[in-house]
PDB file of N, CA and C in Angstrom:
ATOM      1  N   UNK A   1       0.993  -1.044  -0.140  1.00  0.00           N
ATOM      2  CA  UNK A   1      -0.028   0.062  -0.019  1.00  0.00           C
ATOM      3  C   UNK A   1       0.774   1.232   0.094  1.00  0.00           C
ATOM      4  N   UNK A   2       0.566   2.435  -0.902  1.00  0.00           N
ATOM      5  CA  UNK A   2       1.335   3.428  -0.757  1.00  0.00           C
ATOM      6  C   UNK A   2       0.557   4.426   0.343  1.00  0.00           C
ATOM      7  N   UNK A   3       1.267   5.159   1.108  1.00  0.00           N
ATOM      8  CA  UNK A   3       0.948   6.089   2.115  1.00  0.00           C
ATOM      9  C   UNK A   3       1.217   7.588   1.160  1.00  0.00           C
ATOM     10  N   UNK A   4       0.497   8.525   1.709  1.00  0.00           N
ATOM     11  CA  UNK A   4       0.528   9.755   1.099  1.00  0.00           C
ATOM     12  C   UNK A   4       0.400  10.801   2.105  1.00  0.00           C
ATOM     13  N   UNK A   5       1.044  11.963   1.704  1.00  0.00           N
ATOM     14  CA  UNK A   5       1.169  13.159   2.900  1.00  0.00           C
ATOM     15  C   UNK A   5       0.294  14.428   1.974  1.00  0.00           C
ATOM     16  N   UNK A   6      -0.650  13.884   1.055  1.00  0.00           N
ATOM     17  CA  UNK A   6      -1.241  14.889   0.403  1.00  0.00           C
ATOM     18  C   UNK A   6      -1.949  16.068   1.130  1.00  0.00           C
ATOM     19  N   UNK A   7      -2.805  15.319   2.095  1.00  0.00           N
ATOM     20  CA  UNK A   7      -3.792  16.340   3.026  1.00  0.00           C
ATOM     21  C   UNK A   7      -2.718  17.201   3.607  1.00  0.00           C
ATOM     22  N   UNK A   8      -1.582  16.645   4.331  1.00  0.00           N
ATOM     23  CA  UNK A   8      -0.714  17.445   5.132  1.00  0.00           C
ATOM     24  C   UNK A   8      -0.225  18.487   4.154  1.00  0.00           C
ATOM     25  N   UNK A   9       0.145  18.167   3.043  1.00  0.00           N
ATOM     26  CA  UNK A   9       0.818  19.313   2.068  1.00  0.00           C
ATOM     27  C   UNK A   9      -0.232  19.898   1.341  1.00  0.00           C
ATOM     28  N   UNK A  10      -1.405  19.781   1.337  1.00  0.00           N
ATOM     29  CA  UNK A  10      -2.752  20.817   0.754  1.00  0.00           C
ATOM     30  C   UNK A  10      -2.886  21.762   2.144  1.00  0.00           C
ATOM     31  N   UNK A  11      -2.737  21.331   3.264  1.00  0.00           N
ATOM     32  CA  UNK A  11      -3.000  22.152   4.420  1.00  0.00           C
ATOM     33  C   UNK A  11      -1.646  23.254   4.481  1.00  0.00           C
ATOM     34  N   UNK A  12      -0.448  22.975   4.209  1.00  0.00           N
ATOM     35  CA  UNK A  12       0.656  23.806   4.019  1.00  0.00           C
ATOM     36  C   UNK A  12       0.612  24.674   3.060  1.00  0.00           C
ATOM     37  N   UNK A  13      -0.041  24.367   2.030  1.00  0.00           N
ATOM     38  CA  UNK A  13      -0.269  25.373   1.038  1.00  0.00           C
ATOM     39  C   UNK A  13      -1.434  25.996   0.946  1.00  0.00           C
ATOM     40  N   UNK A  14      -2.494  25.587   2.091  1.00  0.00           N
ATOM     41  CA  UNK A  14      -3.780  26.299   1.909  1.00  0.00           C
ATOM     42  C   UNK A  14      -4.553  25.996   0.574  1.00  0.00           C
ATOM     43  N   UNK A  15      -4.472  24.695   0.204  1.00  0.00           N
ATOM     44  CA  UNK A  15      -5.183  24.492  -0.822  1.00  0.00           C
ATOM     45  C   UNK A  15      -6.291  23.421  -0.587  1.00  0.00           C
ATOM     46  N   UNK A  16      -7.320  23.689  -1.407  1.00  0.00           N
ATOM     47  CA  UNK A  16      -8.461  22.680  -1.313  1.00  0.00           C
ATOM     48  C   UNK A  16      -8.215  21.566  -2.144  1.00  0.00           C
ATOM     49  N   UNK A  17      -9.047  20.553  -1.956  1.00  0.00           N
ATOM     50  CA  UNK A  17      -8.944  19.461  -2.932  1.00  0.00           C
ATOM     51  C   UNK A  17      -9.386  19.694  -4.354  1.00  0.00           C
ATOM     52  N   UNK A  18     -10.334  20.751  -4.333  1.00  0.00           N
ATOM     53  CA  UNK A  18     -10.650  21.365  -5.908  1.00  0.00           C
ATOM     54  C   UNK A  18      -9.565  21.715  -6.446  1.00  0.00           C
ATOM     55  N   UNK A  19      -8.812  22.549  -5.570  1.00  0.00           N
ATOM     56  CA  UNK A  19      -7.681  23.346  -6.354  1.00  0.00           C
ATOM     57  C   UNK A  19      -6.622  22.400  -6.898  1.00  0.00           C
ATOM     58  N   UNK A  20      -6.258  21.311  -5.964  1.00  0.00           N
ATOM     59  CA  UNK A  20      -5.176  20.420  -6.287  1.00  0.00           C
ATOM     60  C   UNK A  20      -5.724  19.629  -7.763  1.00  0.00           C
ATOM     61  N   UNK A  21      -6.926  19.325  -7.459  1.00  0.00           N
ATOM     62  CA  UNK A  21      -7.661  18.466  -8.358  1.00  0.00           C
ATOM     63  C   UNK A  21      -7.686  19.241 -10.191  1.00  0.00           C
ATOM     64  N   UNK A  22      -7.781  20.329 -10.068  1.00  0.00           N
ATOM     65  CA  UNK A  22      -7.679  21.281 -11.179  1.00  0.00           C
ATOM     66  C   UNK A  22      -6.247  21.430 -11.579  1.00  0.00           C
ATOM     67  N   UNK A  23      -5.527  21.595 -10.706  1.00  0.00           N
ATOM     68  CA  UNK A  23      -3.965  21.649 -11.129  1.00  0.00           C
ATOM     69  C   UNK A  23      -3.496  20.454 -11.564  1.00  0.00           C
ATOM     70  N   UNK A  24      -4.082  19.171 -11.304  1.00  0.00           N
ATOM     71  CA  UNK A  24      -3.126  17.906 -11.823  1.00  0.00           C
ATOM     72  C   UNK A  24      -4.480  17.272 -13.022  1.00  0.00           C
ATOM     73  N   UNK A  25      -5.232  17.903 -12.943  1.00  0.00           N
ATOM     74  CA  UNK A  25      -6.240  17.489 -14.187  1.00  0.00           C
ATOM     75  C   UNK A  25      -7.066  16.198 -13.863  1.00  0.00           C
ATOM     76  N   UNK A  26      -7.371  16.188 -12.618  1.00  0.00           N
ATOM     77  CA  UNK A  26      -8.430  15.002 -12.183  1.00  0.00           C
ATOM     78  C   UNK A  26      -9.615  15.770 -11.456  1.00  0.00           C
ATOM     79  N   UNK A  27     -10.601  14.759 -11.202  1.00  0.00           N
ATOM     80  CA  UNK A  27     -11.810  15.255 -10.503  1.00  0.00           C
ATOM     81  C   UNK A  27     -11.380  15.421  -8.897  1.00  0.00           C
ATOM     82  N   UNK A  28     -12.002  16.244  -8.018  1.00  0.00           N
ATOM     83  CA  UNK A  28     -11.960  16.599  -6.684  1.00  0.00           C
ATOM     84  C   UNK A  28     -12.232  15.012  -5.998  1.00  0.00           C
ATOM     85  N   UNK A  29     -13.065  14.246  -6.477  1.00  0.00           N
ATOM     86  CA  UNK A  29     -13.230  13.016  -5.990  1.00  0.00           C
ATOM     87  C   UNK A  29     -12.147  12.052  -5.651  1.00  0.00           C
ATOM     88  N   UNK A  30     -11.274  12.123  -7.103  1.00  0.00           N
ATOM     89  CA  UNK A  30     -10.101  11.508  -7.378  1.00  0.00           C
ATOM     90  C   UNK A  30      -8.918  11.843  -6.151  1.00  0.00           C
ATOM     91  N   UNK A  31      -9.087  13.029  -5.904  1.00  0.00           N
ATOM     92  CA  UNK A  31      -8.138  13.759  -5.089  1.00  0.00           C
ATOM     93  C   UNK A  31      -8.556  13.044  -3.422  1.00  0.00           C
ATOM     94  N   UNK A  32      -9.852  12.998  -3.189  1.00  0.00           N
ATOM     95  CA  UNK A  32     -10.314  12.552  -2.155  1.00  0.00           C
ATOM     96  C   UNK A  32     -10.027  11.167  -1.927  1.00  0.00           C
ATOM     97  N   UNK A  33     -10.099  10.262  -2.925  1.00  0.00           N
ATOM     98  CA  UNK A  33     -10.047   8.882  -2.795  1.00  0.00           C
ATOM     99  C   UNK A  33      -8.539   8.618  -2.520  1.00  0.00           C
ATOM    100  N   UNK A  34      -7.667   9.460  -3.202  1.00  0.00           N
ATOM    101  CA  UNK A  34      -6.176   9.169  -3.089  1.00  0.00           C
ATOM    102  C   UNK A  34      -5.742   9.355  -1.445  1.00  0.00           C
ATOM    103  N   UNK A  35      -6.306  10.524  -0.927  1.00  0.00           N
ATOM    104  CA  UNK A  35      -5.963  10.698   0.216  1.00  0.00           C
ATOM    105  C   UNK A  35      -6.396   9.842   1.217  1.00  0.00           C
ATOM    106  N   UNK A  36      -7.546   9.249   1.226  1.00  0.00           N
ATOM    107  CA  UNK A  36      -8.170   8.197   1.972  1.00  0.00           C
ATOM    108  C   UNK A  36      -7.575   6.728   1.563  1.00  0.00           C
ATOM    109  N   UNK A  37      -6.507   6.554   0.573  1.00  0.00           N
ATOM    110  CA  UNK A  37      -5.959   5.448   0.470  1.00  0.00           C
ATOM    111  C   UNK A  37      -6.695   4.265  -0.169  1.00  0.00           C
ATOM    112  N   UNK A  38      -8.145   5.012  -0.996  1.00  0.00           N
ATOM    113  CA  UNK A  38      -8.706   3.929  -1.499  1.00  0.00           C
ATOM    114  C   UNK A  38      -7.900   3.354  -2.752  1.00  0.00           C
ATOM    115  N   UNK A  39      -7.126   4.148  -3.632  1.00  0.00           N
ATOM    116  CA  UNK A  39      -6.233   3.309  -4.425  1.00  0.00           C
ATOM    117  C   UNK A  39      -4.841   4.187  -4.533  1.00  0.00           C
ATOM    118  N   UNK A  40      -4.053   3.815  -5.425  1.00  0.00           N
ATOM    119  CA  UNK A  40      -2.645   4.353  -5.663  1.00  0.00           C
ATOM    120  C   UNK A  40      -2.782   5.274  -6.906  1.00  0.00           C
ATOM    121  N   UNK A  41      -2.021   6.165  -7.074  1.00  0.00           N
ATOM    122  CA  UNK A  41      -1.957   6.856  -8.249  1.00  0.00           C
ATOM    123  C   UNK A  41      -1.010   6.494  -9.318  1.00  0.00           C
ATOM    124  N   UNK A  42      -1.381   6.663 -10.488  1.00  0.00           N
ATOM    125  CA  UNK A  42      -0.309   6.482 -11.516  1.00  0.00           C
ATOM    126  C   UNK A  42       0.985   7.277 -11.115  1.00  0.00           C
ATOM    127  N   UNK A  43       2.036   6.598 -11.992  1.00  0.00           N
ATOM    128  CA  UNK A  43       3.241   7.291 -11.795  1.00  0.00           C
ATOM    129  C   UNK A  43       3.129   8.873 -12.336  1.00  0.00           C
ATOM    130  N   UNK A  44       2.365   9.167 -13.369  1.00  0.00           N
ATOM    131  CA  UNK A  44       2.402  10.162 -13.994  1.00  0.00           C
ATOM    132  C   UNK A  44       1.520  11.178 -12.911  1.00  0.00           C
ATOM    133  N   UNK A  45       0.309  10.559 -12.547  1.00  0.00           N
ATOM    134  CA  UNK A  45      -0.415  11.311 -11.433  1.00  0.00           C
ATOM    135  C   UNK A  45       0.530  11.950 -10.198  1.00  0.00           C
ATOM    136  N   UNK A  46       1.475  10.856  -9.634  1.00  0.00           N
ATOM    137  CA  UNK A  46       2.047  11.129  -8.444  1.00  0.00           C
ATOM    138  C   UNK A  46       2.928  12.255  -8.767  1.00  0.00           C
ATOM    139  N   UNK A  47       3.678  12.165  -9.941  1.00  0.00           N
ATOM    140  CA  UNK A  47       4.439  13.141 -10.241  1.00  0.00           C
ATOM    141  C   UNK A  47       3.803  14.449 -10.520  1.00  0.00           C
ATOM    142  N   UNK A  48       2.738  14.585 -10.977  1.00  0.00           N
ATOM    143  CA  UNK A  48       1.992  15.866 -11.317  1.00  0.00           C
ATOM    144  C   UNK A  48       1.552  16.571  -9.836  1.00  0.00           C
ATOM    145  N   UNK A  49       1.100  15.629  -8.886  1.00  0.00           N
ATOM    146  CA  UNK A  49       0.890  15.971  -7.492  1.00  0.00           C
ATOM    147  C   UNK A  49       2.101  16.645  -6.722  1.00  0.00           C
ATOM    148  N   UNK A  50       3.209  15.972  -7.009  1.00  0.00           N
ATOM    149  CA  UNK A  50       4.604  16.268  -6.199  1.00  0.00           C
ATOM    150  C   UNK A  50       4.933  17.546  -6.983  1.00  0.00           C
ATOM    151  N   UNK A  51       4.609  17.873  -8.073  1.00  0.00           N
ATOM    152  CA  UNK A  51       5.082  18.973  -8.858  1.00  0.00           C
ATOM    153  C   UNK A  51       4.113  20.050  -8.341  1.00  0.00           C
ATOM    154  N   UNK A  52       3.043  19.878  -8.089  1.00  0.00           N
ATOM    155  CA  UNK A  52       2.014  20.958  -7.682  1.00  0.00           C
ATOM    156  C   UNK A  52       2.558  21.481  -6.249  1.00  0.00           C
ATOM    157  N   UNK A  53       3.253  20.750  -5.494  1.00  0.00           N
ATOM    158  CA  UNK A  53       3.846  21.148  -4.196  1.00  0.00           C
ATOM    159  C   UNK A  53       5.027  21.457  -4.140  1.00  0.00           C
ATOM    160  N   UNK A  54       5.664  21.254  -5.590  1.00  0.00           N
ATOM    161  CA  UNK A  54       7.083  21.927  -5.696  1.00  0.00           C
ATOM    162  C   UNK A  54       7.948  20.835  -4.435  1.00  0.00           C
ATOM    163  N   UNK A  55       7.649  19.507  -4.790  1.00  0.00           N
ATOM    164  CA  UNK A  55       8.175  18.584  -3.884  1.00  0.00           C
ATOM    165  C   UNK A  55       8.699  17.225  -4.697  1.00  0.00           C
ATOM    166  N   UNK A  56       9.496  16.221  -4.033  1.00  0.00           N
ATOM    167  CA  UNK A  56       9.608  15.183  -4.833  1.00  0.00           C
ATOM    168  C   UNK A  56       8.384  14.092  -4.641  1.00  0.00           C
ATOM    169  N   UNK A  57       8.433  13.287  -5.517  1.00  0.00           N
ATOM    170  CA  UNK A  57       7.273  12.259  -5.290  1.00  0.00           C
ATOM    171  C   UNK A  57       7.530  11.392  -4.135  1.00  0.00           C
ATOM    172  N   UNK A  58       8.804  11.105  -3.561  1.00  0.00           N
ATOM    173  CA  UNK A  58       9.255  10.589  -2.392  1.00  0.00           C
ATOM    174  C   UNK A  58       8.608  11.305  -1.181  1.00  0.00           C
ATOM    175  N   UNK A  59       8.776  12.859  -1.360  1.00  0.00           N
ATOM    176  CA  UNK A  59       8.080  13.468  -0.360  1.00  0.00           C
ATOM    177  C   UNK A  59       6.806  13.360   0.144  1.00  0.00           C
ATOM    178  N   UNK A  60       6.066  13.126  -0.921  1.00  0.00           N
ATOM    179  CA  UNK A  60       4.519  13.103  -0.784  1.00  0.00           C
ATOM    180  C   UNK A  60       3.986  11.536  -0.822  1.00  0.00           C
ATOM    181  N   UNK A  61       4.715  10.465  -1.278  1.00  0.00           N
ATOM    182  CA  UNK A  61       4.245   9.017  -1.458  1.00  0.00           C
ATOM    183  C   UNK A  61       5.479   8.318  -0.931  1.00  0.00           C
ATOM    184  N   UNK A  62       4.982   7.298  -0.023  1.00  0.00           N
ATOM    185  CA  UNK A  62       5.951   6.324   0.538  1.00  0.00           C
ATOM    186  C   UNK A  62       5.321   4.836   0.545  1.00  0.00           C
ATOM    187  N   UNK A  63       5.918   3.804   0.427  1.00  0.00           N
ATOM    188  CA  UNK A  63       5.283   2.484   0.322  1.00  0.00           C
ATOM    189  C   UNK A  63       5.359   1.894   1.665  1.00  0.00           C
ATOM    190  N   UNK A  64       4.342   1.102   2.176  1.00  0.00           N
ATOM    191  CA  UNK A  64       4.707   0.490   3.468  1.00  0.00           C
ATOM    192  C   UNK A  64       5.544  -0.509   3.474  1.00  0.00           C
ATOM    193  N   UNK A  65       6.201  -0.641   4.601  1.00  0.00           N
ATOM    194  CA  UNK A  65       7.341  -1.655   4.571  1.00  0.00           C
ATOM    195  C   UNK A  65       6.811  -2.905   4.163  1.00  0.00           C
ATOM    196  N   UNK A  66       5.676  -3.514   4.783  1.00  0.00           N
ATOM    197  CA  UNK A  66       5.239  -4.772   4.690  1.00  0.00           C
ATOM    198  C   UNK A  66       5.053  -4.984   3.011  1.00  0.00           C
ATOM    199  N   UNK A  67       4.776  -3.992   2.240  1.00  0.00           N
ATOM    200  CA  UNK A  67       4.867  -4.448   0.793  1.00  0.00           C
ATOM    201  C   UNK A  67       6.284  -4.480   0.128  1.00  0.00           C
ATOM    202  N   UNK A  68       7.145  -4.322   0.543  1.00  0.00           N
ATOM    203  CA  UNK A  68       8.469  -4.201   0.183  1.00  0.00           C
ATOM    204  C   UNK A  68       9.264  -5.855   0.101  1.00  0.00           C
ATOM    205  N   UNK A  69       9.520  -6.106  -0.824  1.00  0.00           N
ATOM    206  CA  UNK A  69      10.125  -7.676  -0.804  1.00  0.00           C
ATOM    207  C   UNK A  69      11.491  -7.406  -0.259  1.00  0.00           C
ATOM    208  N   UNK A  70      11.972  -8.571   0.730  1.00  0.00           N
ATOM    209  CA  UNK A  70      13.410  -8.393   1.435  1.00  0.00           C
ATOM    210  C   UNK A  70      14.427  -8.321   0.463  1.00  0.00           C
TER     211      UNK A  70
END
């Protein structure tokens, strides 16, 4: 499972879900579903979200250790 810090970054940038959705070209519901962990973003979408916050993908998204092979 991929964890994300989208909500924290939105708060830091005083950005609503609608604003982030518009910046990255998706619906507001998509942002909400990503924040709640209902599904994982594509690499392109993860890149666009990170770019919207002037951050790296790794700053926003992390993989839970249990899903990484030893």
